[in-house]
PDB file of N, CA and C in Angstrom:
ATOM      1  N   MET A   1     -22.003  15.213 -39.583  1.00  0.00           N
ATOM      2  CA  MET A   1     -22.287  15.059 -38.178  1.00  0.00           C
ATOM      3  C   MET A   1     -21.992  13.641 -37.691  1.00  0.00           C
ATOM      4  N   LYS A   2     -22.356  12.645 -38.478  1.00  0.00           N
ATOM      5  CA  LYS A   2     -22.156  11.262 -38.055  1.00  0.00           C
ATOM      6  C   LYS A   2     -20.679  10.928 -37.947  1.00  0.00           C
ATOM      7  N   LYS A   3     -19.841  11.455 -38.848  1.00  0.00           N
ATOM      8  CA  LYS A   3     -18.409  11.199 -38.789  1.00  0.00           C
ATOM      9  C   LYS A   3     -17.834  11.720 -37.470  1.00  0.00           C
ATOM     10  N   HIS A   4     -18.276  12.890 -37.077  1.00  0.00           N
ATOM     11  CA  HIS A   4     -17.816  13.494 -35.829  1.00  0.00           C
ATOM     12  C   HIS A   4     -18.178  12.602 -34.633  1.00  0.00           C
ATOM     13  N   ASN A   5     -19.366  12.066 -34.590  1.00  0.00           N
ATOM     14  CA  ASN A   5     -19.806  11.202 -33.499  1.00  0.00           C
ATOM     15  C   ASN A   5     -19.021   9.897 -33.461  1.00  0.00           C
ATOM     16  N   VAL A   6     -18.714   9.355 -34.629  1.00  0.00           N
ATOM     17  CA  VAL A   6     -17.950   8.102 -34.694  1.00  0.00           C
ATOM     18  C   VAL A   6     -16.548   8.335 -34.144  1.00  0.00           C
ATOM     19  N   TRP A   7     -15.877   9.405 -34.575  1.00  0.00           N
ATOM     20  CA  TRP A   7     -14.526   9.691 -34.084  1.00  0.00           C
ATOM     21  C   TRP A   7     -14.530   9.981 -32.588  1.00  0.00           C
ATOM     22  N   PHE A   8     -15.497  10.710 -32.129  1.00  0.00           N
ATOM     23  CA  PHE A   8     -15.607  10.988 -30.703  1.00  0.00           C
ATOM     24  C   PHE A   8     -15.767   9.688 -29.915  1.00  0.00           C
ATOM     25  N   SER A   9     -16.591   8.779 -30.394  1.00  0.00           N
ATOM     26  CA  SER A   9     -16.811   7.491 -29.724  1.00  0.00           C
ATOM     27  C   SER A   9     -15.528   6.667 -29.703  1.00  0.00           C
ATOM     28  N   ILE A  10     -14.783   6.683 -30.796  1.00  0.00           N
ATOM     29  CA  ILE A  10     -13.527   5.923 -30.859  1.00  0.00           C
ATOM     30  C   ILE A  10     -12.508   6.494 -29.876  1.00  0.00           C
ATOM     31  N   VAL A  11     -12.363   7.805 -29.868  1.00  0.00           N
ATOM     32  CA  VAL A  11     -11.421   8.445 -28.949  1.00  0.00           C
ATOM     33  C   VAL A  11     -11.819   8.175 -27.499  1.00  0.00           C
ATOM     34  N   LEU A  12     -13.086   8.284 -27.194  1.00  0.00           N
ATOM     35  CA  LEU A  12     -13.570   8.017 -25.843  1.00  0.00           C
ATOM     36  C   LEU A  12     -13.294   6.567 -25.440  1.00  0.00           C
ATOM     37  N   ALA A  13     -13.507   5.632 -26.333  1.00  0.00           N
ATOM     38  CA  ALA A  13     -13.253   4.215 -26.053  1.00  0.00           C
ATOM     39  C   ALA A  13     -11.768   3.969 -25.789  1.00  0.00           C
ATOM     40  N   VAL A  14     -10.898   4.592 -26.571  1.00  0.00           N
ATOM     41  CA  VAL A  14      -9.457   4.414 -26.381  1.00  0.00           C
ATOM     42  C   VAL A  14      -9.022   4.949 -25.024  1.00  0.00           C
ATOM     43  N   PHE A  15      -9.485   6.162 -24.661  1.00  0.00           N
ATOM     44  CA  PHE A  15      -9.123   6.715 -23.359  1.00  0.00           C
ATOM     45  C   PHE A  15      -9.656   5.853 -22.214  1.00  0.00           C
ATOM     46  N   THR A  16     -10.847   5.325 -22.360  1.00  0.00           N
ATOM     47  CA  THR A  16     -11.418   4.453 -21.334  1.00  0.00           C
ATOM     48  C   THR A  16     -10.578   3.195 -21.165  1.00  0.00           C
ATOM     49  N   LEU A  17     -10.169   2.584 -22.268  1.00  0.00           N
ATOM     50  CA  LEU A  17      -9.335   1.381 -22.191  1.00  0.00           C
ATOM     51  C   LEU A  17      -7.975   1.682 -21.560  1.00  0.00           C
ATOM     52  N   LEU A  18      -7.371   2.787 -21.919  1.00  0.00           N
ATOM     53  CA  LEU A  18      -6.083   3.153 -21.322  1.00  0.00           C
ATOM     54  C   LEU A  18      -6.217   3.399 -19.824  1.00  0.00           C
ATOM     55  N   TYR A  19      -7.285   4.047 -19.423  1.00  0.00           N
ATOM     56  CA  TYR A  19      -7.522   4.294 -18.002  1.00  0.00           C
ATOM     57  C   TYR A  19      -7.684   2.985 -17.238  1.00  0.00           C
ATOM     58  N   LEU A  20      -8.498   2.089 -17.772  1.00  0.00           N
ATOM     59  CA  LEU A  20      -8.731   0.801 -17.107  1.00  0.00           C
ATOM     60  C   LEU A  20      -7.453  -0.033 -17.062  1.00  0.00           C
ATOM     61  N   ALA A  21      -6.666   0.006 -18.116  1.00  0.00           N
ATOM     62  CA  ALA A  21      -5.410  -0.748 -18.139  1.00  0.00           C
ATOM     63  C   ALA A  21      -4.441  -0.201 -17.096  1.00  0.00           C
ATOM     64  N   GLY A  22      -4.407   1.098 -16.923  1.00  0.00           N
ATOM     65  CA  GLY A  22      -3.534   1.698 -15.913  1.00  0.00           C
ATOM     66  C   GLY A  22      -3.932   1.325 -14.510  1.00  0.00           C
ATOM     67  N   ASN A  23      -5.219   1.323 -14.220  1.00  0.00           N
ATOM     68  CA  ASN A  23      -5.692   0.936 -12.885  1.00  0.00           C
ATOM     69  C   ASN A  23      -5.479  -0.541 -12.632  1.00  0.00           C
ATOM     70  N   ALA A  24      -5.699  -1.370 -13.622  1.00  0.00           N
ATOM     71  CA  ALA A  24      -5.513  -2.810 -13.443  1.00  0.00           C
ATOM     72  C   ALA A  24      -4.041  -3.131 -13.249  1.00  0.00           C
ATOM     73  N   GLY A  25      -3.170  -2.391 -13.911  1.00  0.00           N
ATOM     74  CA  GLY A  25      -1.739  -2.630 -13.793  1.00  0.00           C
ATOM     75  C   GLY A  25      -1.190  -2.291 -12.421  1.00  0.00           C
ATOM     76  N   SER A  26      -1.775  -1.345 -11.728  1.00  0.00           N
ATOM     77  CA  SER A  26      -1.270  -0.958 -10.417  1.00  0.00           C
ATOM     78  C   SER A  26      -1.820  -1.845  -9.300  1.00  0.00           C
ATOM     79  N   ALA A  27      -2.897  -2.542  -9.535  1.00  0.00           N
ATOM     80  CA  ALA A  27      -3.489  -3.388  -8.500  1.00  0.00           C
ATOM     81  C   ALA A  27      -2.596  -4.594  -8.228  1.00  0.00           C
ATOM     82  N   GLY A  28      -2.350  -4.880  -6.976  1.00  0.00           N
ATOM     83  CA  GLY A  28      -1.605  -6.062  -6.596  1.00  0.00           C
ATOM     84  C   GLY A  28      -0.100  -5.888  -6.598  1.00  0.00           C
ATOM     85  N   LYS A  29       0.427  -4.775  -7.061  1.00  0.00           N
ATOM     86  CA  LYS A  29       1.865  -4.555  -7.051  1.00  0.00           C
ATOM     87  C   LYS A  29       2.269  -3.992  -5.697  1.00  0.00           C
ATOM     88  N   LEU A  30       3.347  -4.546  -5.151  1.00  0.00           N
ATOM     89  CA  LEU A  30       3.823  -4.081  -3.856  1.00  0.00           C
ATOM     90  C   LEU A  30       4.732  -2.878  -4.023  1.00  0.00           C
ATOM     91  N   ALA A  31       4.533  -1.894  -3.185  1.00  0.00           N
ATOM     92  CA  ALA A  31       5.407  -0.728  -3.122  1.00  0.00           C
ATOM     93  C   ALA A  31       6.273  -0.880  -1.882  1.00  0.00           C
ATOM     94  N   LYS A  32       7.527  -0.465  -1.970  1.00  0.00           N
ATOM     95  CA  LYS A  32       8.444  -0.547  -0.833  1.00  0.00           C
ATOM     96  C   LYS A  32       8.717   0.849  -0.315  1.00  0.00           C
ATOM     97  N   ALA A  33       8.823   0.966   1.006  1.00  0.00           N
ATOM     98  CA  ALA A  33       9.087   2.267   1.614  1.00  0.00           C
ATOM     99  C   ALA A  33       9.730   2.074   2.982  1.00  0.00           C
ATOM    100  N   THR A  34      10.267   3.155   3.514  1.00  0.00           N
ATOM    101  CA  THR A  34      10.769   3.182   4.888  1.00  0.00           C
ATOM    102  C   THR A  34      10.153   4.388   5.574  1.00  0.00           C
ATOM    103  N   GLY A  35      10.115   4.332   6.889  1.00  0.00           N
ATOM    104  CA  GLY A  35       9.542   5.446   7.623  1.00  0.00           C
ATOM    105  C   GLY A  35       9.602   5.226   9.115  1.00  0.00           C
ATOM    106  N   THR A  36       8.921   6.087   9.839  1.00  0.00           N
ATOM    107  CA  THR A  36       8.870   5.993  11.296  1.00  0.00           C
ATOM    108  C   THR A  36       7.468   5.590  11.732  1.00  0.00           C
ATOM    109  N   LEU A  37       7.388   4.434  12.356  1.00  0.00           N
ATOM    110  CA  LEU A  37       6.130   3.933  12.917  1.00  0.00           C
ATOM    111  C   LEU A  37       5.926   4.633  14.255  1.00  0.00           C
ATOM    112  N   THR A  38       4.857   5.413  14.352  1.00  0.00           N
ATOM    113  CA  THR A  38       4.629   6.193  15.575  1.00  0.00           C
ATOM    114  C   THR A  38       3.451   5.703  16.400  1.00  0.00           C
ATOM    115  N   SER A  39       2.560   4.901  15.792  1.00  0.00           N
ATOM    116  CA  SER A  39       1.370   4.488  16.534  1.00  0.00           C
ATOM    117  C   SER A  39       0.809   3.184  15.987  1.00  0.00           C
ATOM    118  N   ILE A  40       0.324   2.354  16.898  1.00  0.00           N
ATOM    119  CA  ILE A  40      -0.407   1.145  16.548  1.00  0.00           C
ATOM    120  C   ILE A  40      -1.796   1.317  17.135  1.00  0.00           C
ATOM    121  N   GLU A  41      -2.793   1.434  16.278  1.00  0.00           N
ATOM    122  CA  GLU A  41      -4.151   1.740  16.718  1.00  0.00           C
ATOM    123  C   GLU A  41      -4.875   0.484  17.215  1.00  0.00           C
ATOM    124  N   GLN A  42      -5.959   0.687  17.961  1.00  0.00           N
ATOM    125  CA  GLN A  42      -6.745  -0.428  18.503  1.00  0.00           C
ATOM    126  C   GLN A  42      -7.334  -1.303  17.401  1.00  0.00           C
ATOM    127  N   ASP A  43      -7.668  -0.711  16.266  1.00  0.00           N
ATOM    128  CA  ASP A  43      -8.275  -1.492  15.176  1.00  0.00           C
ATOM    129  C   ASP A  43      -7.244  -2.227  14.321  1.00  0.00           C
ATOM    130  N   GLY A  44      -5.959  -2.151  14.707  1.00  0.00           N
ATOM    131  CA  GLY A  44      -4.920  -2.879  13.981  1.00  0.00           C
ATOM    132  C   GLY A  44      -4.216  -2.070  12.914  1.00  0.00           C
ATOM    133  N   THR A  45      -4.669  -0.861  12.662  1.00  0.00           N
ATOM    134  CA  THR A  45      -3.965  -0.025  11.697  1.00  0.00           C
ATOM    135  C   THR A  45      -2.733   0.579  12.360  1.00  0.00           C
ATOM    136  N   VAL A  46      -1.783   0.999  11.530  1.00  0.00           N
ATOM    137  CA  VAL A  46      -0.568   1.621  12.038  1.00  0.00           C
ATOM    138  C   VAL A  46      -0.408   2.991  11.392  1.00  0.00           C
ATOM    139  N   ILE A  47       0.302   3.864  12.077  1.00  0.00           N
ATOM    140  CA  ILE A  47       0.598   5.194  11.555  1.00  0.00           C
ATOM    141  C   ILE A  47       2.095   5.249  11.274  1.00  0.00           C
ATOM    142  N   ILE A  48       2.426   5.457   9.996  1.00  0.00           N
ATOM    143  CA  ILE A  48       3.822   5.569   9.575  1.00  0.00           C
ATOM    144  C   ILE A  48       3.953   6.897   8.831  1.00  0.00           C
ATOM    145  N   ASN A  49       4.868   7.734   9.295  1.00  0.00           N
ATOM    146  CA  ASN A  49       5.080   9.061   8.699  1.00  0.00           C
ATOM    147  C   ASN A  49       3.776   9.848   8.589  1.00  0.00           C
ATOM    148  N   GLY A  50       2.896   9.697   9.570  1.00  0.00           N
ATOM    149  CA  GLY A  50       1.659  10.455   9.604  1.00  0.00           C
ATOM    150  C   GLY A  50       0.522   9.889   8.774  1.00  0.00           C
ATOM    151  N   SER A  51       0.741   8.779   8.063  1.00  0.00           N
ATOM    152  CA  SER A  51      -0.305   8.171   7.240  1.00  0.00           C
ATOM    153  C   SER A  51      -0.738   6.840   7.829  1.00  0.00           C
ATOM    154  N   GLY A  52      -2.030   6.529   7.700  1.00  0.00           N
ATOM    155  CA  GLY A  52      -2.570   5.285   8.228  1.00  0.00           C
ATOM    156  C   GLY A  52      -2.488   4.147   7.219  1.00  0.00           C
ATOM    157  N   TYR A  53      -2.157   2.963   7.709  1.00  0.00           N
ATOM    158  CA  TYR A  53      -2.076   1.754   6.896  1.00  0.00           C
ATOM    159  C   TYR A  53      -2.768   0.615   7.622  1.00  0.00           C
ATOM    160  N   GLU A  54      -3.512  -0.189   6.890  1.00  0.00           N
ATOM    161  CA  GLU A  54      -4.007  -1.437   7.447  1.00  0.00           C
ATOM    162  C   GLU A  54      -2.865  -2.443   7.385  1.00  0.00           C
ATOM    163  N   VAL A  55      -2.864  -3.388   8.302  1.00  0.00           N
ATOM    164  CA  VAL A  55      -1.864  -4.450   8.290  1.00  0.00           C
ATOM    165  C   VAL A  55      -2.605  -5.754   8.025  1.00  0.00           C
ATOM    166  N   ALA A  56      -2.216  -6.457   6.973  1.00  0.00           N
ATOM    167  CA  ALA A  56      -2.863  -7.718   6.625  1.00  0.00           C
ATOM    168  C   ALA A  56      -2.669  -8.724   7.746  1.00  0.00           C
ATOM    169  N   ALA A  57      -3.688  -9.546   7.971  1.00  0.00           N
ATOM    170  CA  ALA A  57      -3.592 -10.591   9.004  1.00  0.00           C
ATOM    171  C   ALA A  57      -2.437 -11.540   8.699  1.00  0.00           C
ATOM    172  N   SER A  58      -2.116 -11.703   7.427  1.00  0.00           N
ATOM    173  CA  SER A  58      -1.040 -12.608   7.019  1.00  0.00           C
ATOM    174  C   SER A  58       0.291 -11.889   6.843  1.00  0.00           C
ATOM    175  N   ALA A  59       0.382 -10.631   7.275  1.00  0.00           N
ATOM    176  CA  ALA A  59       1.611  -9.851   7.081  1.00  0.00           C
ATOM    177  C   ALA A  59       2.791 -10.495   7.788  1.00  0.00           C
ATOM    178  N   LYS A  60       3.951 -10.436   7.131  1.00  0.00           N
ATOM    179  CA  LYS A  60       5.192 -10.924   7.736  1.00  0.00           C
ATOM    180  C   LYS A  60       5.782  -9.772   8.540  1.00  0.00           C
ATOM    181  N   ILE A  61       5.870  -9.943   9.854  1.00  0.00           N
ATOM    182  CA  ILE A  61       6.372  -8.915  10.759  1.00  0.00           C
ATOM    183  C   ILE A  61       7.666  -9.432  11.369  1.00  0.00           C
ATOM    184  N   THR A  62       8.764  -8.684  11.184  1.00  0.00           N
ATOM    185  CA  THR A  62      10.061  -9.125  11.704  1.00  0.00           C
ATOM    186  C   THR A  62      10.732  -7.992  12.463  1.00  0.00           C
ATOM    187  N   ASN A  63      11.569  -8.384  13.427  1.00  0.00           N
ATOM    188  CA  ASN A  63      12.319  -7.397  14.203  1.00  0.00           C
ATOM    189  C   ASN A  63      13.644  -7.105  13.501  1.00  0.00           C
ATOM    190  N   GLY A  64      14.483  -6.305  14.129  1.00  0.00           N
ATOM    191  CA  GLY A  64      15.756  -5.909  13.542  1.00  0.00           C
ATOM    192  C   GLY A  64      16.724  -7.058  13.307  1.00  0.00           C
ATOM    193  N   ARG A  65      16.518  -8.180  13.979  1.00  0.00           N
ATOM    194  CA  ARG A  65      17.362  -9.365  13.789  1.00  0.00           C
ATOM    195  C   ARG A  65      16.788 -10.328  12.756  1.00  0.00           C
ATOM    196  N   GLY A  66      15.651  -9.957  12.169  1.00  0.00           N
ATOM    197  CA  GLY A  66      15.035 -10.805  11.151  1.00  0.00           C
ATOM    198  C   GLY A  66      14.150 -11.905  11.700  1.00  0.00           C
ATOM    199  N   GLU A  67      13.878 -11.861  13.004  1.00  0.00           N
ATOM    200  CA  GLU A  67      13.032 -12.874  13.634  1.00  0.00           C
ATOM    201  C   GLU A  67      11.569 -12.461  13.541  1.00  0.00           C
ATOM    202  N   ARG A  68      10.696 -13.435  13.319  1.00  0.00           N
ATOM    203  CA  ARG A  68       9.254 -13.140  13.287  1.00  0.00           C
ATOM    204  C   ARG A  68       8.811 -12.672  14.659  1.00  0.00           C
ATOM    205  N   THR A  69       7.927 -11.698  14.661  1.00  0.00           N
ATOM    206  CA  THR A  69       7.453 -11.129  15.919  1.00  0.00           C
ATOM    207  C   THR A  69       6.074 -10.534  15.697  1.00  0.00           C
ATOM    208  N   THR A  70       5.595  -9.771  16.657  1.00  0.00           N
ATOM    209  CA  THR A  70       4.320  -9.063  16.523  1.00  0.00           C
ATOM    210  C   THR A  70       4.582  -7.570  16.651  1.00  0.00           C
ATOM    211  N   LEU A  71       3.654  -6.765  16.161  1.00  0.00           N
ATOM    212  CA  LEU A  71       3.841  -5.314  16.195  1.00  0.00           C
ATOM    213  C   LEU A  71       3.961  -4.765  17.612  1.00  0.00           C
ATOM    214  N   ASP A  72       3.299  -5.399  18.578  1.00  0.00           N
ATOM    215  CA  ASP A  72       3.328  -4.863  19.936  1.00  0.00           C
ATOM    216  C   ASP A  72       4.692  -4.981  20.605  1.00  0.00           C
ATOM    217  N   THR A  73       5.639  -5.678  19.983  1.00  0.00           N
ATOM    218  CA  THR A  73       6.997  -5.748  20.545  1.00  0.00           C
ATOM    219  C   THR A  73       7.872  -4.589  20.067  1.00  0.00           C
ATOM    220  N   PHE A  74       7.429  -3.831  19.072  1.00  0.00           N
ATOM    221  CA  PHE A  74       8.196  -2.694  18.575  1.00  0.00           C
ATOM    222  C   PHE A  74       8.177  -1.583  19.618  1.00  0.00           C
ATOM    223  N   ILE A  75       9.324  -0.964  19.855  1.00  0.00           N
ATOM    224  CA  ILE A  75       9.412   0.178  20.763  1.00  0.00           C
ATOM    225  C   ILE A  75       9.228   1.433  19.917  1.00  0.00           C
ATOM    226  N   LEU A  76       8.141   2.153  20.204  1.00  0.00           N
ATOM    227  CA  LEU A  76       7.794   3.319  19.395  1.00  0.00           C
ATOM    228  C   LEU A  76       8.470   4.587  19.895  1.00  0.00           C
ATOM    229  N   PRO A  77       8.830   5.493  19.038  1.00  0.00           N
ATOM    230  CA  PRO A  77       8.765   5.398  17.586  1.00  0.00           C
ATOM    231  C   PRO A  77       9.833   4.433  17.065  1.00  0.00           C
ATOM    232  N   ALA A  78       9.517   3.724  15.991  1.00  0.00           N
ATOM    233  CA  ALA A  78      10.430   2.732  15.430  1.00  0.00           C
ATOM    234  C   ALA A  78      10.648   2.994  13.944  1.00  0.00           C
ATOM    235  N   ARG A  79      11.888   2.920  13.509  1.00  0.00           N
ATOM    236  CA  ARG A  79      12.183   2.998  12.074  1.00  0.00           C
ATOM    237  C   ARG A  79      11.816   1.654  11.475  1.00  0.00           C
ATOM    238  N   VAL A  80      11.065   1.670  10.383  1.00  0.00           N
ATOM    239  CA  VAL A  80      10.613   0.439   9.748  1.00  0.00           C
ATOM    240  C   VAL A  80      10.790   0.521   8.231  1.00  0.00           C
ATOM    241  N   SER A  81      10.962  -0.639   7.634  1.00  0.00           N
ATOM    242  CA  SER A  81      10.830  -0.752   6.182  1.00  0.00           C
ATOM    243  C   SER A  81       9.603  -1.621   5.972  1.00  0.00           C
ATOM    244  N   TYR A  82       8.845  -1.325   4.933  1.00  0.00           N
ATOM    245  CA  TYR A  82       7.600  -2.056   4.749  1.00  0.00           C
ATOM    246  C   TYR A  82       7.244  -2.148   3.277  1.00  0.00           C
ATOM    247  N   GLU A  83       6.443  -3.151   2.969  1.00  0.00           N
ATOM    248  CA  GLU A  83       5.922  -3.350   1.627  1.00  0.00           C
ATOM    249  C   GLU A  83       4.407  -3.336   1.724  1.00  0.00           C
ATOM    250  N   PHE A  84       3.770  -2.588   0.822  1.00  0.00           N
ATOM    251  CA  PHE A  84       2.324  -2.479   0.877  1.00  0.00           C
ATOM    252  C   PHE A  84       1.758  -2.436  -0.526  1.00  0.00           C
ATOM    253  N   GLU A  85       0.457  -2.695  -0.603  1.00  0.00           N
ATOM    254  CA  GLU A  85      -0.238  -2.576  -1.879  1.00  0.00           C
ATOM    255  C   GLU A  85      -1.454  -1.682  -1.688  1.00  0.00           C
ATOM    256  N   TYR A  86      -1.843  -1.043  -2.775  1.00  0.00           N
ATOM    257  CA  TYR A  86      -3.035  -0.215  -2.745  1.00  0.00           C
ATOM    258  C   TYR A  86      -4.256  -1.096  -2.990  1.00  0.00           C
ATOM    259  N   THR A  87      -5.251  -0.987  -2.124  1.00  0.00           N
ATOM    260  CA  THR A  87      -6.494  -1.730  -2.275  1.00  0.00           C
ATOM    261  C   THR A  87      -7.647  -0.731  -2.328  1.00  0.00           C
ATOM    262  N   LYS A  88      -8.840  -1.236  -2.553  1.00  0.00           N
ATOM    263  CA  LYS A  88     -10.014  -0.356  -2.605  1.00  0.00           C
ATOM    264  C   LYS A  88     -10.245   0.359  -1.282  1.00  0.00           C
ATOM    265  N   THR A  89      -9.844  -0.272  -0.174  1.00  0.00           N
ATOM    266  CA  THR A  89     -10.063   0.330   1.142  1.00  0.00           C
ATOM    267  C   THR A  89      -8.867   1.152   1.619  1.00  0.00           C
ATOM    268  N   GLY A  90      -7.790   1.191   0.840  1.00  0.00           N
ATOM    269  CA  GLY A  90      -6.601   1.956   1.223  1.00  0.00           C
ATOM    270  C   GLY A  90      -5.361   1.086   1.189  1.00  0.00           C
ATOM    271  N   PRO A  91      -4.219   1.637   1.602  1.00  0.00           N
ATOM    272  CA  PRO A  91      -2.969   0.873   1.575  1.00  0.00           C
ATOM    273  C   PRO A  91      -2.976  -0.255   2.606  1.00  0.00           C
ATOM    274  N   LEU A  92      -2.469  -1.411   2.190  1.00  0.00           N
ATOM    275  CA  LEU A  92      -2.452  -2.616   3.034  1.00  0.00           C
ATOM    276  C   LEU A  92      -1.025  -3.144   3.115  1.00  0.00           C
ATOM    277  N   ILE A  93      -0.474  -3.184   4.330  1.00  0.00           N
ATOM    278  CA  ILE A  93       0.897  -3.658   4.541  1.00  0.00           C
ATOM    279  C   ILE A  93       0.934  -5.176   4.486  1.00  0.00           C
ATOM    280  N   ARG A  94       1.869  -5.692   3.678  1.00  0.00           N
ATOM    281  CA  ARG A  94       2.085  -7.138   3.554  1.00  0.00           C
ATOM    282  C   ARG A  94       3.332  -7.591   4.315  1.00  0.00           C
ATOM    283  N   LYS A  95       4.348  -6.716   4.396  1.00  0.00           N
ATOM    284  CA  LYS A  95       5.584  -7.017   5.136  1.00  0.00           C
ATOM    285  C   LYS A  95       6.006  -5.757   5.873  1.00  0.00           C
ATOM    286  N   ILE A  96       6.477  -5.943   7.100  1.00  0.00           N
ATOM    287  CA  ILE A  96       7.010  -4.811   7.852  1.00  0.00           C
ATOM    288  C   ILE A  96       8.163  -5.319   8.697  1.00  0.00           C
ATOM    289  N   ARG A  97       9.265  -4.569   8.665  1.00  0.00           N
ATOM    290  CA  ARG A  97      10.464  -4.977   9.391  1.00  0.00           C
ATOM    291  C   ARG A  97      10.992  -3.799  10.198  1.00  0.00           C
ATOM    292  N   GLU A  98      11.219  -4.035  11.473  1.00  0.00           N
ATOM    293  CA  GLU A  98      11.827  -3.025  12.325  1.00  0.00           C
ATOM    294  C   GLU A  98      13.300  -2.893  11.948  1.00  0.00           C
ATOM    295  N   MET A  99      13.754  -1.676  11.777  1.00  0.00           N
ATOM    296  CA  MET A  99      15.149  -1.445  11.420  1.00  0.00           C
ATOM    297  C   MET A  99      15.958  -1.165  12.687  1.00  0.00           C
ATOM    298  N   ALA A 100      17.234  -1.498  12.638  1.00  0.00           N
ATOM    299  CA  ALA A 100      18.105  -1.236  13.783  1.00  0.00           C
ATOM    300  C   ALA A 100      18.141   0.263  14.058  1.00  0.00           C
ATOM    301  N   GLN A 101      18.077   0.619  15.337  1.00  0.00           N
ATOM    302  CA  GLN A 101      18.052   2.042  15.731  1.00  0.00           C
ATOM    303  C   GLN A 101      19.400   2.661  15.617  1.00  0.00           C
TER     304      GLN A 101
END
């Protein structure tokens, strides 16, 4: 009986470590995507391809010419490319660029 408990504990510990390593590895990595920005909400979130994203206060926002701008200058719907990371509160955009129409 004791051998069985020891092996079970070892297997459980290994799976726990692998799970934690996988979650830690994905934190802070930026994902790149493109889509259609259809809405800018009052709370500062944006809707791209039907999904909501927070926009970081320090996000780099550029227009189709590569000039820094603000989201309110985008003519909606707008094709955008963006970089975001997954956080505890949801996806957070770090860079967003309006693409030429």
